[in-house]
Amino acid sequence: DDIVSVLPVGGNSRVPWVLAALRLAVGGEQRLAHRLDADESMALGAALLAAHWHPTLRVRPISFRDALPL
């Protein structure tokens, strides 16, 4: 219930069964965002991480999790 939005990134995020599993995990299509390609997501992630670590900027709390199994 705490998840507001999930932004899948990468080639596998377009595979239908991956999207179905994500919909099931997050509770519906409305929480899946499909607005970035891989290059844009890397730039956005770097900007959000820099803002998160900046000592004086005030941003909404962000959770980062590496989803790679290795």
C-alpha atoms as a PDB file:
ATOM      1  CA  ASP A   1       0.000   0.000   0.000  1.00  0.00           C
ATOM      2  CA  ASP A   2       2.985   2.328   0.472  1.00  0.00           C
ATOM      3  CA  ILE A   3       4.029   1.997  -3.181  1.00  0.00           C
ATOM      4  CA  VAL A   4       2.915   4.997  -5.217  1.00  0.00           C
ATOM      5  CA  SER A   5       4.553   4.201  -8.538  1.00  0.00           C
ATOM      6  CA  VAL A   6       6.840   1.596 -10.107  1.00  0.00           C
ATOM      7  CA  LEU A   7       8.975   2.534 -13.085  1.00  0.00           C
ATOM      8  CA  PRO A   8      10.139  -0.630 -14.885  1.00  0.00           C
ATOM      9  CA  VAL A   9      13.284  -0.083 -16.945  1.00  0.00           C
ATOM     10  CA  GLY A  10      15.066  -2.217 -19.508  1.00  0.00           C
ATOM     11  CA  GLY A  11      14.169  -4.538 -22.335  1.00  0.00           C
ATOM     12  CA  ASN A  12      12.512  -7.150 -20.127  1.00  0.00           C
ATOM     13  CA  SER A  13      10.085  -4.575 -18.748  1.00  0.00           C
ATOM     14  CA  ARG A  14       8.207  -4.737 -22.070  1.00  0.00           C
ATOM     15  CA  VAL A  15       7.664  -8.529 -21.923  1.00  0.00           C
ATOM     16  CA  PRO A  16       3.952  -9.233 -21.301  1.00  0.00           C
ATOM     17  CA  TRP A  17       4.426 -11.814 -18.536  1.00  0.00           C
ATOM     18  CA  VAL A  18       6.875  -9.513 -16.722  1.00  0.00           C
ATOM     19  CA  LEU A  19       4.300  -6.695 -16.840  1.00  0.00           C
ATOM     20  CA  ALA A  20       1.593  -9.081 -15.609  1.00  0.00           C
ATOM     21  CA  ALA A  21       3.778 -10.137 -12.670  1.00  0.00           C
ATOM     22  CA  LEU A  22       4.522  -6.471 -11.839  1.00  0.00           C
ATOM     23  CA  ARG A  23       0.815  -5.569 -11.992  1.00  0.00           C
ATOM     24  CA  LEU A  24       0.060  -8.418  -9.618  1.00  0.00           C
ATOM     25  CA  ALA A  25       2.877  -7.415  -7.247  1.00  0.00           C
ATOM     26  CA  VAL A  26       2.031  -3.694  -7.036  1.00  0.00           C
ATOM     27  CA  GLY A  27      -1.734  -3.905  -7.181  1.00  0.00           C
ATOM     28  CA  GLY A  28      -2.714  -2.738 -10.637  1.00  0.00           C
ATOM     29  CA  GLU A  29      -1.853  -0.996 -13.878  1.00  0.00           C
ATOM     30  CA  GLN A  30      -2.277   2.517 -12.457  1.00  0.00           C
ATOM     31  CA  ARG A  31       0.929   2.130 -10.431  1.00  0.00           C
ATOM     32  CA  LEU A  32       3.097   1.152 -13.407  1.00  0.00           C
ATOM     33  CA  ALA A  33       4.745   4.037 -15.235  1.00  0.00           C
ATOM     34  CA  HIS A  34       5.970   3.564 -18.832  1.00  0.00           C
ATOM     35  CA  ARG A  35       7.389   6.946 -19.663  1.00  0.00           C
ATOM     36  CA  LEU A  36      11.164   6.447 -19.847  1.00  0.00           C
ATOM     37  CA  ASP A  37      13.580   4.560 -22.019  1.00  0.00           C
ATOM     38  CA  ALA A  38      16.856   3.169 -20.644  1.00  0.00           C
ATOM     39  CA  ASP A  39      18.932   6.321 -21.294  1.00  0.00           C
ATOM     40  CA  GLU A  40      16.366   8.660 -19.768  1.00  0.00           C
ATOM     41  CA  SER A  41      15.960   6.435 -16.735  1.00  0.00           C
ATOM     42  CA  MET A  42      19.694   6.508 -16.044  1.00  0.00           C
ATOM     43  CA  ALA A  43      19.767  10.313 -16.204  1.00  0.00           C
ATOM     44  CA  LEU A  44      16.668  10.620 -14.006  1.00  0.00           C
ATOM     45  CA  GLY A  45      18.032   8.113 -11.491  1.00  0.00           C
ATOM     46  CA  ALA A  46      21.337   9.980 -11.247  1.00  0.00           C
ATOM     47  CA  ALA A  47      19.527  13.290 -10.704  1.00  0.00           C
ATOM     48  CA  LEU A  48      17.235  11.832  -8.031  1.00  0.00           C
ATOM     49  CA  LEU A  49      20.124  10.164  -6.226  1.00  0.00           C
ATOM     50  CA  ALA A  50      22.153  13.395  -6.269  1.00  0.00           C
ATOM     51  CA  ALA A  51      19.182  15.335  -4.891  1.00  0.00           C
ATOM     52  CA  HIS A  52      18.653  12.661  -2.224  1.00  0.00           C
ATOM     53  CA  TRP A  53      22.285  12.931  -1.059  1.00  0.00           C
ATOM     54  CA  HIS A  54      22.483  16.743  -1.271  1.00  0.00           C
ATOM     55  CA  PRO A  55      22.787  18.251   2.216  1.00  0.00           C
ATOM     56  CA  THR A  56      20.456  21.230   1.681  1.00  0.00           C
ATOM     57  CA  LEU A  57      17.930  20.116  -0.958  1.00  0.00           C
ATOM     58  CA  ARG A  58      14.622  18.893   0.415  1.00  0.00           C
ATOM     59  CA  VAL A  59      13.109  16.114  -1.668  1.00  0.00           C
ATOM     60  CA  ARG A  60      10.504  13.449  -1.017  1.00  0.00           C
ATOM     61  CA  PRO A  61      12.092  10.345   0.564  1.00  0.00           C
ATOM     62  CA  ILE A  62      13.227   7.905  -2.100  1.00  0.00           C
ATOM     63  CA  SER A  63      13.893   4.195  -1.716  1.00  0.00           C
ATOM     64  CA  PHE A  64      16.551   2.588  -3.906  1.00  0.00           C
ATOM     65  CA  ARG A  65      16.806  -1.159  -4.367  1.00  0.00           C
ATOM     66  CA  ASP A  66      19.057  -3.123  -6.704  1.00  0.00           C
ATOM     67  CA  ALA A  67      16.923  -5.829  -8.267  1.00  0.00           C
ATOM     68  CA  LEU A  68      19.728  -7.784  -9.931  1.00  0.00           C
ATOM     69  CA  PRO A  69      20.222 -11.233  -8.413  1.00  0.00           C
ATOM     70  CA  LEU A  70      24.027 -11.217  -8.747  1.00  0.00           C
END
